[in-house]
Amino acid sequence: MDRKIFMLLIGLVFGGGIGFLVAAGNGVTLDGHDHATGHGGGHDHTAMVPIVLPAGDTAPTLAAKVLKDPVSGWNLHVETTNFRFAPENASTPDVAGEGHAHVYVNGEKLARIYANWYHIDHLPKGDVMIEVALNSNDHRELAVANTPLRVGVKIENLND
């Protein structure tokens, strides 16, 4: 092997390794988030202070339905007013009236969604609570007059 190529490969290996060590030491991870600072010392959006909006005709509303899919799984339908799903602005500063939703199954976060419909492939057997929360672009949960914009739908899943 040509000595120049060999030296280049050695430099890439050591340089890459040192780069990863420096990044990890500063809280940077491969998931695109800085874990050294932020929301309670980690990536826990639940620790963030919600955005409280005034009640009234322009306040967002939220409703949800869960329907058994005819083939497999379940279909979640999220209905909102005065709110726009804005996937192009995810993880950017808050803009009034836009954002995304977080979906929880039995209290565990399942997904972030950017539209009114979401297919859930599998749910645990038995009684299941599916919750949807509206969130701003910067992931803070939205509330109207101190009431979180969060709804729950309880279903009974008889399938495995």
Protein backbone atom coordinates (compact mmCIF):
# COMPACT_ATOMS: atom_id res chain seq x y z
CA MET A 1 0.00 0.00 0.00
CA ASP A 2 1.22 3.46 -0.82
CA ARG A 3 2.67 5.15 2.30
CA LYS A 4 0.58 8.32 1.76
CA ILE A 5 -2.68 6.37 1.74
CA PHE A 6 -1.58 4.43 4.83
CA MET A 7 -0.78 7.64 6.71
CA LEU A 8 -4.10 9.15 5.61
CA LEU A 9 -6.00 6.15 6.97
CA ILE A 10 -4.15 6.32 10.30
CA GLY A 11 -4.93 10.05 10.53
CA LEU A 12 -8.62 9.45 9.80
CA VAL A 13 -8.90 6.72 12.45
CA PHE A 14 -7.16 8.70 15.18
CA GLY A 15 -8.73 12.02 14.17
CA GLY A 16 -12.21 10.50 14.13
CA GLY A 17 -11.66 8.84 17.50
CA ILE A 18 -10.40 12.07 19.07
CA GLY A 19 -13.33 13.94 17.54
CA PHE A 20 -15.83 11.53 19.08
CA LEU A 21 -14.13 11.79 22.47
CA VAL A 22 -14.17 15.58 22.39
CA ALA A 23 -17.83 15.61 21.30
CA ALA A 24 -18.88 13.12 23.98
CA GLY A 25 -16.98 15.07 26.62
CA ASN A 26 -19.00 18.16 25.68
CA GLY A 27 -22.39 16.41 25.79
CA VAL A 28 -22.87 16.07 22.04
CA THR A 29 -24.41 12.78 20.87
CA LEU A 30 -25.20 11.28 17.49
CA ASP A 31 -28.93 11.89 17.94
CA GLY A 32 -28.49 15.60 17.18
CA HIS A 33 -29.21 16.86 20.69
CA ASP A 34 -26.93 18.48 23.22
CA HIS A 35 -27.36 16.47 26.43
CA ALA A 36 -25.01 18.59 28.53
CA THR A 37 -27.56 21.37 28.93
CA GLY A 38 -31.20 21.86 28.34
CA HIS A 39 -34.27 20.43 29.87
CA GLY A 40 -33.43 19.20 33.35
CA GLY A 41 -29.97 17.88 32.45
CA GLY A 42 -31.13 15.58 29.68
CA HIS A 43 -33.62 15.24 26.89
CA ASP A 44 -36.74 15.11 29.06
CA HIS A 45 -39.39 17.34 27.51
CA THR A 46 -41.78 16.62 30.39
CA ALA A 47 -39.61 18.79 32.69
CA MET A 48 -40.14 21.86 30.49
CA VAL A 49 -42.50 24.64 31.57
CA PRO A 50 -45.65 24.53 29.39
CA ILE A 51 -46.81 27.41 27.25
CA VAL A 52 -50.04 28.68 28.77
CA LEU A 53 -52.41 30.29 26.29
CA PRO A 54 -55.44 32.40 27.18
CA ALA A 55 -58.89 30.86 26.84
CA GLY A 56 -61.15 32.22 24.12
CA ASP A 57 -62.19 31.82 20.52
CA THR A 58 -58.61 31.69 19.23
CA ALA A 59 -57.37 29.09 21.74
CA PRO A 60 -56.40 25.71 20.29
CA THR A 61 -58.62 22.70 20.97
CA LEU A 62 -57.80 19.00 20.90
CA ALA A 63 -59.81 15.80 20.54
CA ALA A 64 -58.80 12.26 19.59
CA LYS A 65 -60.37 9.00 18.45
CA VAL A 66 -58.80 5.55 18.23
CA LEU A 67 -60.20 3.19 15.61
CA LYS A 68 -59.34 -0.48 15.08
CA ASP A 69 -57.62 -0.81 11.70
CA PRO A 70 -59.38 -3.40 9.49
CA VAL A 71 -56.07 -5.10 8.65
CA SER A 72 -53.82 -4.62 11.69
CA GLY A 73 -53.17 -2.26 14.56
CA TRP A 74 -55.03 0.91 15.38
CA ASN A 75 -55.58 4.30 13.74
CA LEU A 76 -55.35 7.41 15.88
CA HIS A 77 -57.26 10.44 14.60
CA VAL A 78 -56.25 13.75 16.19
CA GLU A 79 -58.65 16.67 15.73
CA THR A 80 -57.50 20.24 16.41
CA THR A 81 -58.74 23.76 15.89
CA ASN A 82 -56.60 26.91 15.87
CA PHE A 83 -53.50 24.73 15.56
CA ARG A 84 -51.33 23.76 12.58
CA PHE A 85 -48.99 20.77 12.46
CA ALA A 86 -45.63 22.21 11.39
CA PRO A 87 -43.03 19.46 10.85
CA GLU A 88 -40.81 21.91 8.98
CA ASN A 89 -40.38 23.89 12.21
CA ALA A 90 -39.77 21.03 14.66
CA SER A 91 -37.17 21.81 17.33
CA THR A 92 -37.17 25.52 16.50
CA PRO A 93 -38.48 28.40 18.65
CA ASP A 94 -42.18 28.56 19.46
CA VAL A 95 -44.54 30.10 16.92
CA ALA A 96 -48.07 30.68 18.19
CA GLY A 97 -50.61 28.24 16.80
CA GLU A 98 -48.23 25.62 15.41
CA GLY A 99 -46.23 22.60 16.50
CA HIS A 100 -46.70 18.85 16.76
CA ALA A 101 -48.23 16.24 19.06
CA HIS A 102 -46.75 13.62 21.35
CA VAL A 103 -48.49 10.24 21.63
CA TYR A 104 -48.30 8.19 24.82
CA VAL A 105 -49.38 4.60 25.47
CA ASN A 106 -49.97 3.78 29.12
CA GLY A 107 -47.87 6.80 30.10
CA GLU A 108 -44.87 5.93 27.89
CA LYS A 109 -44.08 8.18 24.95
CA LEU A 110 -44.65 6.31 21.70
CA ALA A 111 -44.12 8.95 19.02
CA ARG A 112 -44.03 12.53 17.90
CA ILE A 113 -46.60 13.14 15.16
CA TYR A 114 -46.96 15.88 12.55
CA ALA A 115 -50.41 15.16 11.12
CA ASN A 116 -53.96 14.34 12.12
CA TRP A 117 -53.65 10.58 11.53
CA TYR A 118 -51.18 8.11 13.01
CA HIS A 119 -51.10 4.31 12.69
CA ILE A 120 -50.17 2.36 15.80
CA ASP A 121 -48.84 -1.07 14.83
CA HIS A 122 -49.02 -2.80 18.18
CA LEU A 123 -50.56 -2.16 21.58
CA PRO A 124 -50.29 -4.19 24.77
CA LYS A 125 -53.13 -6.61 25.47
CA GLY A 126 -55.86 -5.49 27.85
CA ASP A 127 -56.92 -2.01 28.91
CA VAL A 128 -54.79 0.61 27.16
CA MET A 129 -54.72 4.38 27.66
CA ILE A 130 -53.64 6.34 24.59
CA GLU A 131 -52.94 10.02 25.26
CA VAL A 132 -52.18 12.86 22.87
CA ALA A 133 -50.59 16.15 23.91
CA LEU A 134 -50.18 19.23 21.71
CA ASN A 135 -46.70 20.70 21.83
CA SER A 136 -45.03 23.82 20.50
CA ASN A 137 -42.22 23.62 17.96
CA ASP A 138 -39.72 23.70 20.84
CA HIS A 139 -41.47 20.67 22.45
CA ARG A 140 -43.10 22.50 25.35
CA GLU A 141 -46.58 21.19 26.07
CA LEU A 142 -49.38 23.64 25.32
CA ALA A 143 -52.06 24.55 27.85
CA VAL A 144 -55.16 26.74 27.72
CA ALA A 145 -55.92 28.65 30.92
CA ASN A 146 -53.59 26.29 32.86
CA THR A 147 -55.31 23.15 31.50
CA PRO A 148 -52.90 21.03 29.41
CA LEU A 149 -53.96 20.39 25.81
CA ARG A 150 -53.89 16.65 26.42
CA VAL A 151 -56.62 14.08 25.82
CA GLY A 152 -56.84 10.39 26.61
CA VAL A 153 -58.72 7.56 24.96
CA LYS A 154 -59.09 4.26 26.80
CA ILE A 155 -59.50 1.12 24.70
CA GLU A 156 -59.57 -2.58 25.34
CA ASN A 157 -57.13 -4.47 23.15
CA LEU A 158 -58.17 -8.12 22.94
CA ASN A 159 -55.37 -9.06 20.52
CA ASP A 160 -51.75 -9.86 21.33
